[in-house]
N, C-alpha and C. Protein backbone atom coordinates (compact mmCIF):
# COMPACT_ATOMS: atom_id res chain seq x y z
N MET A 1 -21.25 -6.34 -0.04
CA MET A 1 -20.39 -5.58 -0.65
C MET A 1 -19.23 -5.05 0.30
N LYS A 2 -19.35 -4.90 1.34
CA LYS A 2 -18.07 -4.44 2.27
C LYS A 2 -17.03 -5.34 2.13
N LYS A 3 -17.59 -6.52 2.32
CA LYS A 3 -16.70 -7.93 2.26
C LYS A 3 -15.88 -7.82 1.15
N ILE A 4 -16.57 -7.97 -0.06
CA ILE A 4 -15.82 -7.75 -1.46
C ILE A 4 -14.80 -6.61 -1.47
N ILE A 5 -15.10 -5.70 -0.88
CA ILE A 5 -14.25 -4.55 -1.32
C ILE A 5 -12.86 -4.92 -0.04
N ILE A 6 -13.19 -5.23 1.04
CA ILE A 6 -12.09 -5.40 1.98
C ILE A 6 -11.16 -6.91 1.37
N ILE A 7 -11.74 -7.78 0.70
CA ILE A 7 -11.04 -8.83 0.11
C ILE A 7 -10.14 -8.40 -0.97
N SER A 8 -10.82 -7.61 -1.85
CA SER A 8 -10.19 -6.99 -2.81
C SER A 8 -8.68 -6.08 -2.61
N ILE A 9 -8.93 -5.29 -1.47
CA ILE A 9 -7.87 -4.64 -1.12
C ILE A 9 -6.86 -5.40 -0.46
N LEU A 10 -7.41 -6.40 0.20
CA LEU A 10 -6.25 -7.49 0.94
C LEU A 10 -5.46 -7.92 -0.05
N LEU A 11 -6.08 -8.24 -1.37
CA LEU A 11 -5.41 -8.99 -2.46
C LEU A 11 -4.49 -7.85 -3.07
N LEU A 12 -5.03 -6.70 -2.98
CA LEU A 12 -4.04 -5.47 -3.73
C LEU A 12 -2.68 -5.38 -2.76
N PHE A 13 -2.95 -5.56 -1.34
CA PHE A 13 -1.72 -5.06 -0.50
C PHE A 13 -1.07 -6.21 -0.52
N SER A 14 -1.35 -7.22 -0.90
CA SER A 14 -0.46 -8.30 -0.76
C SER A 14 0.38 -8.40 -2.23
N THR A 15 0.21 -7.74 -3.08
CA THR A 15 0.90 -7.32 -4.35
C THR A 15 2.12 -6.33 -3.99
N PHE A 16 1.78 -5.45 -3.12
CA PHE A 16 3.03 -4.30 -3.02
C PHE A 16 4.14 -4.74 -2.77
N PRO A 17 4.49 -5.62 -1.97
CA PRO A 17 5.85 -5.89 -1.78
C PRO A 17 6.67 -6.44 -3.27
N VAL A 18 5.91 -7.36 -3.94
CA VAL A 18 6.35 -7.44 -5.24
C VAL A 18 6.86 -6.26 -5.99
N TYR A 19 5.89 -5.36 -5.94
CA TYR A 19 6.41 -3.93 -6.54
C TYR A 19 7.46 -3.04 -5.84
N ALA A 20 7.45 -3.57 -4.63
CA ALA A 20 8.69 -2.77 -3.86
C ALA A 20 9.95 -3.54 -3.88
N ASP A 21 10.11 -4.70 -4.41
CA ASP A 21 11.52 -5.28 -4.63
C ASP A 21 11.98 -5.00 -5.96
N GLY A 22 11.43 -4.66 -6.97
CA GLY A 22 11.88 -4.27 -7.95
C GLY A 22 12.99 -3.37 -7.86
N PRO A 23 14.30 -3.13 -9.08
CA PRO A 23 15.32 -1.81 -9.07
C PRO A 23 14.70 -0.75 -9.11
N SER A 24 13.66 -0.55 -9.41
CA SER A 24 13.22 0.76 -9.59
C SER A 24 11.90 0.92 -8.73
N PHE A 25 12.00 1.11 -7.69
CA PHE A 25 10.95 1.46 -6.99
C PHE A 25 10.17 2.63 -7.14
N CYS A 26 11.05 3.72 -7.62
CA CYS A 26 10.17 5.09 -7.73
C CYS A 26 10.06 5.33 -9.07
N ASP A 27 10.72 4.52 -10.05
CA ASP A 27 10.62 4.93 -11.52
C ASP A 27 9.77 3.98 -12.08
N ASP A 28 9.10 3.24 -11.81
CA ASP A 28 7.91 2.15 -12.40
C ASP A 28 6.68 2.84 -12.74
N PRO A 29 6.77 3.26 -13.95
CA PRO A 29 5.17 4.00 -14.32
C PRO A 29 4.09 3.05 -14.39
N GLY A 30 4.29 1.58 -14.21
CA GLY A 30 2.99 0.90 -14.26
C GLY A 30 2.52 1.08 -12.54
N THR A 31 3.64 0.75 -11.87
CA THR A 31 3.11 0.76 -10.30
C THR A 31 2.36 2.22 -10.10
N TRP A 32 2.91 3.47 -10.68
CA TRP A 32 2.40 4.51 -10.26
C TRP A 32 1.11 4.82 -10.80
N LYS A 33 0.85 4.23 -12.15
CA LYS A 33 -0.37 4.26 -12.91
C LYS A 33 -1.39 3.33 -11.70
N TYR A 34 -1.02 2.22 -11.52
CA TYR A 34 -1.68 1.47 -10.56
C TYR A 34 -2.32 2.02 -9.34
N PHE A 35 -1.22 2.79 -8.71
CA PHE A 35 -1.49 3.68 -7.40
C PHE A 35 -2.67 4.74 -7.56
N GLU A 36 -2.40 5.36 -8.90
CA GLU A 36 -3.13 6.52 -8.97
C GLU A 36 -4.49 5.98 -9.33
N SER A 37 -4.85 4.89 -9.89
CA SER A 37 -6.10 4.23 -10.35
C SER A 37 -6.96 3.67 -9.02
N MET A 38 -5.98 3.40 -8.32
CA MET A 38 -6.79 2.56 -7.15
C MET A 38 -6.83 3.48 -6.07
N THR A 39 -6.29 4.82 -5.90
CA THR A 39 -6.47 5.81 -4.93
C THR A 39 -7.69 6.81 -5.49
N GLN A 40 -8.02 6.67 -6.69
CA GLN A 40 -9.25 7.44 -7.34
C GLN A 40 -10.64 6.39 -7.27
N LYS A 41 -10.22 5.33 -7.28
CA LYS A 41 -11.28 4.37 -7.16
C LYS A 41 -11.76 4.11 -5.69
N TYR A 42 -10.90 4.29 -4.67
CA TYR A 42 -11.08 4.11 -3.35
C TYR A 42 -10.68 5.35 -2.56
N PRO A 43 -11.05 6.54 -2.75
CA PRO A 43 -10.70 7.67 -2.06
C PRO A 43 -10.98 7.95 -0.51
N ASP A 44 -11.88 6.86 -0.05
CA ASP A 44 -12.17 6.72 1.44
C ASP A 44 -11.07 5.79 1.86
N ASP A 45 -10.37 5.64 1.22
CA ASP A 45 -9.42 4.09 1.91
C ASP A 45 -8.42 4.88 2.16
N ILE A 46 -8.60 4.83 3.81
CA ILE A 46 -7.34 5.68 4.50
C ILE A 46 -6.09 4.83 4.30
N PRO A 47 -6.00 3.53 4.71
CA PRO A 47 -4.71 3.05 4.74
C PRO A 47 -4.24 3.02 3.02
N LEU A 48 -5.10 2.70 2.13
CA LEU A 48 -4.51 3.00 0.72
C LEU A 48 -3.95 4.12 0.50
N GLN A 49 -4.61 5.39 0.94
CA GLN A 49 -3.80 6.94 0.59
C GLN A 49 -2.95 7.06 1.76
N ILE A 50 -2.55 6.39 2.95
CA ILE A 50 -1.21 6.23 3.32
C ILE A 50 -0.19 5.55 2.55
N LEU A 51 -0.46 4.41 2.08
CA LEU A 51 0.67 3.85 1.43
C LEU A 51 0.96 4.51 0.22
N HIS A 52 0.02 5.32 -0.52
CA HIS A 52 0.24 6.19 -1.79
C HIS A 52 1.22 7.49 -1.21
N ALA A 53 0.71 8.11 0.03
CA ALA A 53 1.49 9.10 0.23
C ALA A 53 3.02 8.75 0.60
N LEU A 54 3.06 7.68 1.38
CA LEU A 54 4.29 7.24 1.79
C LEU A 54 5.42 6.99 0.73
N LYS A 55 4.57 6.31 -0.37
CA LYS A 55 5.56 6.08 -1.56
C LYS A 55 6.06 7.32 -2.24
N ILE A 56 5.21 8.37 -2.08
CA ILE A 56 5.55 9.55 -2.77
C ILE A 56 6.50 10.20 -1.86
N GLY A 57 6.68 9.93 -0.56
CA GLY A 57 7.44 10.60 0.49
C GLY A 57 8.90 10.20 0.57
N LEU A 58 8.74 8.82 0.07
CA LEU A 58 10.00 7.99 0.24
C LEU A 58 10.69 8.35 -1.17
N CYS A 59 10.03 8.39 -2.17
CA CYS A 59 10.65 8.70 -3.32
C CYS A 59 11.19 10.13 -3.52
N ASN A 60 10.64 10.88 -2.81
CA ASN A 60 11.46 12.41 -2.93
C ASN A 60 12.57 12.30 -2.06
N LYS A 61 12.74 11.49 -0.79
CA LYS A 61 13.71 11.35 0.01
C LYS A 61 14.84 10.75 -0.73
N ILE A 62 14.54 9.59 -1.33
CA ILE A 62 15.45 9.16 -2.29
C ILE A 62 16.14 9.99 -3.31
N GLN A 63 15.33 11.00 -3.95
CA GLN A 63 15.94 11.88 -4.72
C GLN A 63 16.92 12.89 -4.03
N GLN A 64 16.37 13.19 -2.80
CA GLN A 64 17.22 13.90 -1.97
C GLN A 64 18.73 13.41 -1.43
N ASN A 65 18.54 12.25 -1.71
CA ASN A 65 19.72 11.23 -1.10
C ASN A 65 19.47 11.30 0.48
N SER A 66 18.37 11.43 1.10
CA SER A 66 18.10 11.39 2.64
C SER A 66 18.16 10.02 2.94
N ILE A 67 17.73 9.06 2.01
CA ILE A 67 17.87 7.64 2.35
C ILE A 67 18.10 6.54 1.06
N THR A 68 18.56 5.52 1.33
CA THR A 68 18.75 4.68 0.05
C THR A 68 17.51 4.09 -0.59
N GLU A 69 17.50 3.56 -1.42
CA GLU A 69 16.46 2.86 -2.27
C GLU A 69 16.05 1.85 -1.38
N THR A 70 16.97 1.10 -0.75
CA THR A 70 16.74 -0.15 0.08
C THR A 70 16.38 0.13 1.12
N GLU A 71 16.72 1.33 1.85
CA GLU A 71 15.93 1.73 3.12
C GLU A 71 14.49 2.15 2.92
N ALA A 72 14.26 2.74 1.77
CA ALA A 72 12.68 3.15 1.41
C ALA A 72 11.88 1.68 1.12
N ILE A 73 12.55 0.98 0.35
CA ILE A 73 11.65 -0.64 0.15
C ILE A 73 11.30 -0.97 1.71
N ASN A 74 12.35 -0.93 2.51
CA ASN A 74 12.10 -1.87 3.44
C ASN A 74 11.19 -1.10 4.41
N LEU A 75 11.31 0.50 4.52
CA LEU A 75 10.28 0.96 5.28
C LEU A 75 8.81 0.93 4.59
N PHE A 76 8.66 0.85 3.16
CA PHE A 76 7.52 0.63 2.46
C PHE A 76 6.65 -0.93 2.67
N ASN A 77 7.56 -1.65 2.57
CA ASN A 77 7.16 -3.06 2.84
C ASN A 77 6.66 -3.38 4.34
N GLU A 78 7.38 -2.59 5.46
CA GLU A 78 6.88 -2.64 6.83
C GLU A 78 5.42 -1.78 6.90
N MET A 79 5.36 -0.70 6.27
CA MET A 79 3.78 -0.73 6.41
C MET A 79 3.04 -1.20 5.53
N VAL A 80 3.32 -1.89 4.72
CA VAL A 80 2.46 -2.99 3.77
C VAL A 80 2.09 -3.64 5.08
N ASP A 81 2.90 -4.67 5.44
CA ASP A 81 2.61 -5.51 6.78
C ASP A 81 1.69 -4.90 7.55
N THR A 82 2.04 -3.45 7.99
CA THR A 82 1.25 -3.20 9.28
C THR A 82 -0.37 -3.09 8.56
N VAL A 83 -0.26 -2.54 7.46
CA VAL A 83 -1.72 -1.91 6.79
C VAL A 83 -2.56 -3.40 6.62
N ALA A 84 -1.49 -4.42 6.31
CA ALA A 84 -2.45 -5.93 6.00
C ALA A 84 -2.76 -6.13 7.24
N SER A 85 -2.29 -6.32 8.52
CA SER A 85 -2.51 -6.56 9.77
C SER A 85 -3.77 -5.71 10.12
N MET A 86 -3.72 -4.23 10.06
CA MET A 86 -4.82 -3.62 10.31
C MET A 86 -6.09 -4.37 9.44
N ARG A 87 -6.07 -4.51 8.10
CA ARG A 87 -7.16 -5.31 7.34
C ARG A 87 -7.66 -6.38 8.04
N ASP A 88 -6.80 -7.22 8.51
CA ASP A 88 -6.98 -8.53 8.74
C ASP A 88 -7.85 -8.27 10.32
N GLU A 89 -7.65 -7.33 10.95
CA GLU A 89 -8.31 -6.98 12.14
C GLU A 89 -9.90 -6.48 11.92
N MET A 90 -10.04 -5.79 10.86
CA MET A 90 -10.77 -5.10 10.32
C MET A 90 -12.21 -6.30 9.89
N LYS A 91 -11.36 -7.09 9.04
CA LYS A 91 -12.42 -8.14 8.69
C LYS A 91 -12.74 -9.04 9.87
N LYS A 92 -11.90 -9.32 10.70
CA LYS A 92 -12.42 -10.20 11.64
C LYS A 92 -13.52 -9.60 12.64
N LYS A 93 -13.51 -8.11 12.65
CA LYS A 93 -14.38 -7.47 13.51
C LYS A 93 -15.69 -7.19 12.69
N GLU A 94 -15.64 -7.27 11.29
CA GLU A 94 -16.72 -7.13 10.55
C GLU A 94 -17.64 -8.60 10.77
N GLU A 95 -16.71 -9.74 10.57
CA GLU A 95 -17.33 -10.86 10.56
C GLU A 95 -17.90 -10.97 12.03
N THR A 96 -17.41 -10.81 12.91
CA THR A 96 -18.04 -11.07 14.11
C THR A 96 -19.38 -10.01 14.56
N ASP A 97 -19.11 -8.86 14.10
CA ASP A 97 -20.19 -8.14 14.10
C ASP A 97 -21.46 -8.48 13.04
N ASP A 98 -21.21 -9.20 11.89
CA ASP A 98 -22.46 -9.86 11.13
C ASP A 98 -23.02 -10.86 11.93
N PHE A 99 -22.67 -11.36 12.93
CA PHE A 99 -23.64 -12.67 13.96
C PHE A 99 -24.14 -12.35 14.98
């Protein structure tokens, strides 16, 4: 069961850069709805919660004119890459623990 969840979340994370490349990083209701449903479905998934909180914070900073949308997208995508790497390491560890 753990493996199915991890694979699902890995697939989920692989879609985030697509969402982050659009012209409306903060204004896409579909992305927010998706994030809300996933954070409710996986409340104990800390990496997912981190990405959700990061997006909220980045959008607040864009509204305050503290950063540009391009900077926010780049930061978000970097964190997605970091989280995906963490997931890969977790998956490898679980696979070796199973043997």
